[in-house]
């Protein structure tokens, strides 16, 4: 089953700067926890999340992107 945007989302939908900053703070906190647990994010993962923030992608689009990348790996 694929992901589809609802009527409120488009490829050009963007998060507000305030929401992007809140999301960045949560990501940094989560990254610290992952490091403490001995499971840090890869440089590629960090770059992906930084791109999401830079481009202000909405959360649903981020999720769809991550799932699309993960599905082929899960099928292996």
PDB file of N, CA and C in Angstrom:
ATOM      1  N   UNK A   1       0.843  -1.170   0.000  1.00  0.00           N
ATOM      2  CA  UNK A   1       0.000   0.000   0.000  1.00  0.00           C
ATOM      3  C   UNK A   1       0.890   1.235   0.000  1.00  0.00           C
ATOM      4  N   UNK A   2       0.627   2.178  -0.872  1.00  0.00           N
ATOM      5  CA  UNK A   2       1.418   3.395  -0.961  1.00  0.00           C
ATOM      6  C   UNK A   2       0.864   4.497  -0.085  1.00  0.00           C
ATOM      7  N   UNK A   3       1.607   5.538   0.019  1.00  0.00           N
ATOM      8  CA  UNK A   3       1.209   6.698   0.791  1.00  0.00           C
ATOM      9  C   UNK A   3       0.632   7.727  -0.158  1.00  0.00           C
ATOM     10  N   UNK A   4      -0.426   8.382   0.244  1.00  0.00           N
ATOM     11  CA  UNK A   4      -0.965   9.453  -0.586  1.00  0.00           C
ATOM     12  C   UNK A   4      -1.201  10.676   0.290  1.00  0.00           C
ATOM     13  N   UNK A   5      -0.958  11.811  -0.279  1.00  0.00           N
ATOM     14  CA  UNK A   5      -1.171  13.057   0.444  1.00  0.00           C
ATOM     15  C   UNK A   5      -2.662  13.347   0.521  1.00  0.00           C
ATOM     16  N   UNK A   6      -3.100  13.946   1.632  1.00  0.00           N
ATOM     17  CA  UNK A   6      -4.506  14.319   1.710  1.00  0.00           C
ATOM     18  C   UNK A   6      -4.707  15.677   1.045  1.00  0.00           C
ATOM     19  N   UNK A   7      -5.920  16.182   1.061  1.00  0.00           N
ATOM     20  CA  UNK A   7      -6.237  17.404   0.327  1.00  0.00           C
ATOM     21  C   UNK A   7      -5.528  18.633   0.885  1.00  0.00           C
ATOM     22  N   UNK A   8      -4.984  18.543   2.088  1.00  0.00           N
ATOM     23  CA  UNK A   8      -4.298  19.683   2.696  1.00  0.00           C
ATOM     24  C   UNK A   8      -2.791  19.667   2.426  1.00  0.00           C
ATOM     25  N   UNK A   9      -2.271  18.588   1.857  1.00  0.00           N
ATOM     26  CA  UNK A   9      -0.834  18.459   1.642  1.00  0.00           C
ATOM     27  C   UNK A   9      -0.519  18.464   0.157  1.00  0.00           C
ATOM     28  N   UNK A  10       0.593  19.070  -0.161  1.00  0.00           N
ATOM     29  CA  UNK A  10       1.093  19.030  -1.525  1.00  0.00           C
ATOM     30  C   UNK A  10       2.589  18.786  -1.461  1.00  0.00           C
ATOM     31  N   UNK A  11       3.189  18.545  -2.602  1.00  0.00           N
ATOM     32  CA  UNK A  11       4.639  18.364  -2.640  1.00  0.00           C
ATOM     33  C   UNK A  11       5.353  19.619  -2.147  1.00  0.00           C
ATOM     34  N   UNK A  12       4.694  20.764  -2.226  1.00  0.00           N
ATOM     35  CA  UNK A  12       5.339  22.011  -1.818  1.00  0.00           C
ATOM     36  C   UNK A  12       4.897  22.470  -0.431  1.00  0.00           C
ATOM     37  N   UNK A  13       4.076  21.682   0.285  1.00  0.00           N
ATOM     38  CA  UNK A  13       3.696  22.043   1.648  1.00  0.00           C
ATOM     39  C   UNK A  13       4.951  22.131   2.499  1.00  0.00           C
ATOM     40  N   UNK A  14       4.978  23.135   3.375  1.00  0.00           N
ATOM     41  CA  UNK A  14       6.155  23.330   4.214  1.00  0.00           C
ATOM     42  C   UNK A  14       5.719  23.599   5.652  1.00  0.00           C
ATOM     43  N   UNK A  15       6.562  23.178   6.591  1.00  0.00           N
ATOM     44  CA  UNK A  15       6.321  23.474   7.993  1.00  0.00           C
ATOM     45  C   UNK A  15       6.737  24.917   8.280  1.00  0.00           C
ATOM     46  N   UNK A  16       6.137  25.496   9.288  1.00  0.00           N
ATOM     47  CA  UNK A  16       6.523  26.846   9.689  1.00  0.00           C
ATOM     48  C   UNK A  16       7.908  26.797  10.338  1.00  0.00           C
ATOM     49  N   UNK A  17       8.619  27.917  10.343  1.00  0.00           N
ATOM     50  CA  UNK A  17       9.938  27.942  11.002  1.00  0.00           C
ATOM     51  C   UNK A  17       9.866  27.528  12.473  1.00  0.00           C
ATOM     52  N   UNK A  18       8.801  27.873  13.155  1.00  0.00           N
ATOM     53  CA  UNK A  18       8.649  27.497  14.566  1.00  0.00           C
ATOM     54  C   UNK A  18       8.549  25.985  14.709  1.00  0.00           C
ATOM     55  N   UNK A  19       7.757  25.350  13.881  1.00  0.00           N
ATOM     56  CA  UNK A  19       7.597  23.900  13.945  1.00  0.00           C
ATOM     57  C   UNK A  19       8.901  23.208  13.547  1.00  0.00           C
ATOM     58  N   UNK A  20       9.591  23.742  12.556  1.00  0.00           N
ATOM     59  CA  UNK A  20      10.880  23.162  12.155  1.00  0.00           C
ATOM     60  C   UNK A  20      11.852  23.207  13.324  1.00  0.00           C
ATOM     61  N   UNK A  21      11.905  24.318  14.045  1.00  0.00           N
ATOM     62  CA  UNK A  21      12.815  24.439  15.186  1.00  0.00           C
ATOM     63  C   UNK A  21      12.433  23.475  16.304  1.00  0.00           C
ATOM     64  N   UNK A  22      11.149  23.322  16.574  1.00  0.00           N
ATOM     65  CA  UNK A  22      10.700  22.357  17.585  1.00  0.00           C
ATOM     66  C   UNK A  22      11.092  20.942  17.179  1.00  0.00           C
ATOM     67  N   UNK A  23      10.910  20.630  15.915  1.00  0.00           N
ATOM     68  CA  UNK A  23      11.257  19.307  15.403  1.00  0.00           C
ATOM     69  C   UNK A  23      12.761  19.072  15.500  1.00  0.00           C
ATOM     70  N   UNK A  24      13.551  20.082  15.185  1.00  0.00           N
ATOM     71  CA  UNK A  24      15.018  19.962  15.269  1.00  0.00           C
ATOM     72  C   UNK A  24      15.444  19.674  16.702  1.00  0.00           C
ATOM     73  N   UNK A  25      14.852  20.368  17.661  1.00  0.00           N
ATOM     74  CA  UNK A  25      15.194  20.141  19.070  1.00  0.00           C
ATOM     75  C   UNK A  25      14.866  18.709  19.488  1.00  0.00           C
ATOM     76  N   UNK A  26      13.720  18.208  19.047  1.00  0.00           N
ATOM     77  CA  UNK A  26      13.360  16.810  19.369  1.00  0.00           C
ATOM     78  C   UNK A  26      14.332  15.837  18.725  1.00  0.00           C
ATOM     79  N   UNK A  27      14.735  16.126  17.489  1.00  0.00           N
ATOM     80  CA  UNK A  27      15.690  15.235  16.804  1.00  0.00           C
ATOM     81  C   UNK A  27      17.013  15.196  17.540  1.00  0.00           C
ATOM     82  N   UNK A  28      17.512  16.362  17.948  1.00  0.00           N
ATOM     83  CA  UNK A  28      18.791  16.406  18.659  1.00  0.00           C
ATOM     84  C   UNK A  28      18.725  15.648  19.983  1.00  0.00           C
ATOM     85  N   UNK A  29      17.600  15.773  20.695  1.00  0.00           N
ATOM     86  CA  UNK A  29      17.428  15.030  21.946  1.00  0.00           C
ATOM     87  C   UNK A  29      17.387  13.527  21.667  1.00  0.00           C
ATOM     88  N   UNK A  30      16.661  13.128  20.631  1.00  0.00           N
ATOM     89  CA  UNK A  30      16.582  11.705  20.273  1.00  0.00           C
ATOM     90  C   UNK A  30      17.946  11.174  19.854  1.00  0.00           C
ATOM     91  N   UNK A  31      18.707  11.990  19.136  1.00  0.00           N
ATOM     92  CA  UNK A  31      20.039  11.555  18.722  1.00  0.00           C
ATOM     93  C   UNK A  31      20.939  11.333  19.931  1.00  0.00           C
ATOM     94  N   UNK A  32      20.835  12.202  20.941  1.00  0.00           N
ATOM     95  CA  UNK A  32      21.636  12.013  22.157  1.00  0.00           C
ATOM     96  C   UNK A  32      21.263  10.702  22.844  1.00  0.00           C
ATOM     97  N   UNK A  33      19.974  10.401  22.908  1.00  0.00           N
ATOM     98  CA  UNK A  33      19.544   9.138  23.522  1.00  0.00           C
ATOM     99  C   UNK A  33      20.061   7.938  22.736  1.00  0.00           C
ATOM    100  N   UNK A  34      19.995   8.023  21.416  1.00  0.00           N
ATOM    101  CA  UNK A  34      20.505   6.930  20.581  1.00  0.00           C
ATOM    102  C   UNK A  34      22.001   6.723  20.837  1.00  0.00           C
ATOM    103  N   UNK A  35      22.747   7.807  20.985  1.00  0.00           N
ATOM    104  CA  UNK A  35      24.189   7.688  21.271  1.00  0.00           C
ATOM    105  C   UNK A  35      24.428   7.034  22.624  1.00  0.00           C
ATOM    106  N   UNK A  36      23.647   7.451  23.637  1.00  0.00           N
ATOM    107  CA  UNK A  36      23.772   6.863  24.979  1.00  0.00           C
ATOM    108  C   UNK A  36      23.510   5.363  24.928  1.00  0.00           C
ATOM    109  N   UNK A  37      22.559   4.954  24.108  1.00  0.00           N
ATOM    110  CA  UNK A  37      22.205   3.537  23.986  1.00  0.00           C
ATOM    111  C   UNK A  37      23.158   2.772  23.076  1.00  0.00           C
ATOM    112  N   UNK A  38      24.172   3.449  22.548  1.00  0.00           N
ATOM    113  CA  UNK A  38      25.140   2.778  21.690  1.00  0.00           C
ATOM    114  C   UNK A  38      24.637   2.530  20.283  1.00  0.00           C
ATOM    115  N   UNK A  39      23.635   3.286  19.856  1.00  0.00           N
ATOM    116  CA  UNK A  39      23.056   3.098  18.534  1.00  0.00           C
ATOM    117  C   UNK A  39      22.898   4.462  17.837  1.00  0.00           C
ATOM    118  N   UNK A  40      24.034   5.136  17.578  1.00  0.00           N
ATOM    119  CA  UNK A  40      23.939   6.473  16.983  1.00  0.00           C
ATOM    120  C   UNK A  40      23.438   6.419  15.538  1.00  0.00           C
ATOM    121  N   UNK A  41      22.865   7.523  15.100  1.00  0.00           N
ATOM    122  CA  UNK A  41      22.437   7.615  13.705  1.00  0.00           C
ATOM    123  C   UNK A  41      23.661   7.646  12.805  1.00  0.00           C
ATOM    124  N   UNK A  42      23.503   7.098  11.623  1.00  0.00           N
ATOM    125  CA  UNK A  42      24.585   7.149  10.641  1.00  0.00           C
ATOM    126  C   UNK A  42      24.678   8.565  10.080  1.00  0.00           C
ATOM    127  N   UNK A  43      25.818   8.924   9.501  1.00  0.00           N
ATOM    128  CA  UNK A  43      25.926  10.241   8.862  1.00  0.00           C
ATOM    129  C   UNK A  43      24.856  10.452   7.790  1.00  0.00           C
ATOM    130  N   UNK A  44      24.479   9.382   7.089  1.00  0.00           N
ATOM    131  CA  UNK A  44      23.440   9.489   6.067  1.00  0.00           C
ATOM    132  C   UNK A  44      22.083   9.812   6.693  1.00  0.00           C
ATOM    133  N   UNK A  45      21.786   9.183   7.838  1.00  0.00           N
ATOM    134  CA  UNK A  45      20.527   9.462   8.521  1.00  0.00           C
ATOM    135  C   UNK A  45      20.484  10.905   9.024  1.00  0.00           C
ATOM    136  N   UNK A  46      21.587  11.364   9.602  1.00  0.00           N
ATOM    137  CA  UNK A  46      21.658  12.746  10.083  1.00  0.00           C
ATOM    138  C   UNK A  46      21.446  13.707   8.916  1.00  0.00           C
ATOM    139  N   UNK A  47      22.103  13.431   7.799  1.00  0.00           N
ATOM    140  CA  UNK A  47      21.950  14.291   6.618  1.00  0.00           C
ATOM    141  C   UNK A  47      20.504  14.303   6.131  1.00  0.00           C
ATOM    142  N   UNK A  48      19.833  13.161   6.181  1.00  0.00           N
ATOM    143  CA  UNK A  48      18.439  13.101   5.744  1.00  0.00           C
ATOM    144  C   UNK A  48      17.569  13.980   6.638  1.00  0.00           C
ATOM    145  N   UNK A  49      17.729  13.857   7.966  1.00  0.00           N
ATOM    146  CA  UNK A  49      16.915  14.661   8.868  1.00  0.00           C
ATOM    147  C   UNK A  49      17.236  16.147   8.743  1.00  0.00           C
ATOM    148  N   UNK A  50      18.498  16.487   8.526  1.00  0.00           N
ATOM    149  CA  UNK A  50      18.857  17.884   8.308  1.00  0.00           C
ATOM    150  C   UNK A  50      18.222  18.420   7.025  1.00  0.00           C
ATOM    151  N   UNK A  51      18.146  17.582   5.996  1.00  0.00           N
ATOM    152  CA  UNK A  51      17.496  17.984   4.747  1.00  0.00           C
ATOM    153  C   UNK A  51      16.003  18.222   4.985  1.00  0.00           C
ATOM    154  N   UNK A  52      15.358  17.331   5.762  1.00  0.00           N
ATOM    155  CA  UNK A  52      13.947  17.528   6.086  1.00  0.00           C
ATOM    156  C   UNK A  52      13.739  18.897   6.733  1.00  0.00           C
ATOM    157  N   UNK A  53      14.626  19.235   7.668  1.00  0.00           N
ATOM    158  CA  UNK A  53      14.513  20.519   8.367  1.00  0.00           C
ATOM    159  C   UNK A  53      14.799  21.686   7.424  1.00  0.00           C
ATOM    160  N   UNK A  54      15.845  21.576   6.655  1.00  0.00           N
ATOM    161  CA  UNK A  54      16.223  22.651   5.725  1.00  0.00           C
ATOM    162  C   UNK A  54      15.103  22.923   4.724  1.00  0.00           C
ATOM    163  N   UNK A  55      14.486  21.845   4.228  1.00  0.00           N
ATOM    164  CA  UNK A  55      13.421  21.974   3.236  1.00  0.00           C
ATOM    165  C   UNK A  55      12.033  22.135   3.870  1.00  0.00           C
ATOM    166  N   UNK A  56      11.976  22.049   5.213  1.00  0.00           N
ATOM    167  CA  UNK A  56      10.723  22.207   5.978  1.00  0.00           C
ATOM    168  C   UNK A  56       9.627  21.238   5.526  1.00  0.00           C
ATOM    169  N   UNK A  57      10.041  19.999   5.280  1.00  0.00           N
ATOM    170  CA  UNK A  57       9.060  18.987   4.860  1.00  0.00           C
ATOM    171  C   UNK A  57       8.044  18.749   5.967  1.00  0.00           C
ATOM    172  N   UNK A  58       6.774  18.593   5.607  1.00  0.00           N
ATOM    173  CA  UNK A  58       5.764  18.217   6.607  1.00  0.00           C
ATOM    174  C   UNK A  58       6.035  16.797   7.118  1.00  0.00           C
ATOM    175  N   UNK A  59       5.544  16.529   8.320  1.00  0.00           N
ATOM    176  CA  UNK A  59       5.828  15.234   8.952  1.00  0.00           C
ATOM    177  C   UNK A  59       5.335  14.044   8.129  1.00  0.00           C
ATOM    178  N   UNK A  60       4.181  14.157   7.513  1.00  0.00           N
ATOM    179  CA  UNK A  60       3.655  13.049   6.707  1.00  0.00           C
ATOM    180  C   UNK A  60       4.566  12.764   5.509  1.00  0.00           C
ATOM    181  N   UNK A  61       5.106  13.801   4.914  1.00  0.00           N
ATOM    182  CA  UNK A  61       6.012  13.593   3.775  1.00  0.00           C
ATOM    183  C   UNK A  61       7.310  12.941   4.242  1.00  0.00           C
ATOM    184  N   UNK A  62       7.806  13.354   5.403  1.00  0.00           N
ATOM    185  CA  UNK A  62       9.017  12.740   5.967  1.00  0.00           C
ATOM    186  C   UNK A  62       8.792  11.247   6.188  1.00  0.00           C
ATOM    187  N   UNK A  63       7.659  10.939   6.811  1.00  0.00           N
ATOM    188  CA  UNK A  63       7.334   9.537   7.104  1.00  0.00           C
ATOM    189  C   UNK A  63       7.252   8.725   5.823  1.00  0.00           C
ATOM    190  N   UNK A  64       6.587   9.272   4.815  1.00  0.00           N
ATOM    191  CA  UNK A  64       6.455   8.566   3.539  1.00  0.00           C
ATOM    192  C   UNK A  64       7.830   8.317   2.919  1.00  0.00           C
ATOM    193  N   UNK A  65       8.722   9.281   3.005  1.00  0.00           N
ATOM    194  CA  UNK A  65      10.069   9.136   2.451  1.00  0.00           C
ATOM    195  C   UNK A  65      10.838   8.028   3.178  1.00  0.00           C
ATOM    196  N   UNK A  66      10.775   8.049   4.507  1.00  0.00           N
ATOM    197  CA  UNK A  66      11.482   7.040   5.309  1.00  0.00           C
ATOM    198  C   UNK A  66      10.922   5.646   5.030  1.00  0.00           C
ATOM    199  N   UNK A  67       9.603   5.525   4.985  1.00  0.00           N
ATOM    200  CA  UNK A  67       8.998   4.212   4.695  1.00  0.00           C
ATOM    201  C   UNK A  67       9.374   3.715   3.302  1.00  0.00           C
ATOM    202  N   UNK A  68       9.400   4.609   2.342  1.00  0.00           N
ATOM    203  CA  UNK A  68       9.768   4.197   0.981  1.00  0.00           C
ATOM    204  C   UNK A  68      11.211   3.690   0.936  1.00  0.00           C
ATOM    205  N   UNK A  69      12.092   4.259   1.727  1.00  0.00           N
ATOM    206  CA  UNK A  69      13.481   3.795   1.781  1.00  0.00           C
ATOM    207  C   UNK A  69      13.600   2.485   2.561  1.00  0.00           C
ATOM    208  N   UNK A  70      12.741   2.312   3.580  1.00  0.00           N
ATOM    209  CA  UNK A  70      12.850   1.146   4.455  1.00  0.00           C
ATOM    210  C   UNK A  70      12.236  -0.119   3.861  1.00  0.00           C
ATOM    211  N   UNK A  71      11.204   0.024   3.076  1.00  0.00           N
ATOM    212  CA  UNK A  71      10.506  -1.165   2.558  1.00  0.00           C
ATOM    213  C   UNK A  71      11.428  -2.100   1.774  1.00  0.00           C
ATOM    214  N   UNK A  72      12.238  -1.604   0.850  1.00  0.00           N
ATOM    215  CA  UNK A  72      13.127  -2.527   0.131  1.00  0.00           C
ATOM    216  C   UNK A  72      14.123  -3.221   1.068  1.00  0.00           C
ATOM    217  N   UNK A  73      14.581  -2.511   2.092  1.00  0.00           N
ATOM    218  CA  UNK A  73      15.520  -3.124   3.041  1.00  0.00           C
ATOM    219  C   UNK A  73      14.840  -4.224   3.854  1.00  0.00           C
ATOM    220  N   UNK A  74      13.589  -3.995   4.213  1.00  0.00           N
ATOM    221  CA  UNK A  74      12.845  -4.989   4.992  1.00  0.00           C
ATOM    222  C   UNK A  74      12.544  -6.243   4.159  1.00  0.00           C
ATOM    223  N   UNK A  75      12.459  -6.073   2.857  1.00  0.00           N
ATOM    224  CA  UNK A  75      12.143  -7.203   1.973  1.00  0.00           C
ATOM    225  C   UNK A  75      13.354  -8.109   1.743  1.00  0.00           C
ATOM    226  N   UNK A  76      14.525  -7.633   2.105  1.00  0.00           N
ATOM    227  CA  UNK A  76      15.750  -8.445   1.868  1.00  0.00           C
ATOM    228  C   UNK A  76      15.824  -9.638   2.770  1.00  0.00           C
TER     229      UNK A  76
END
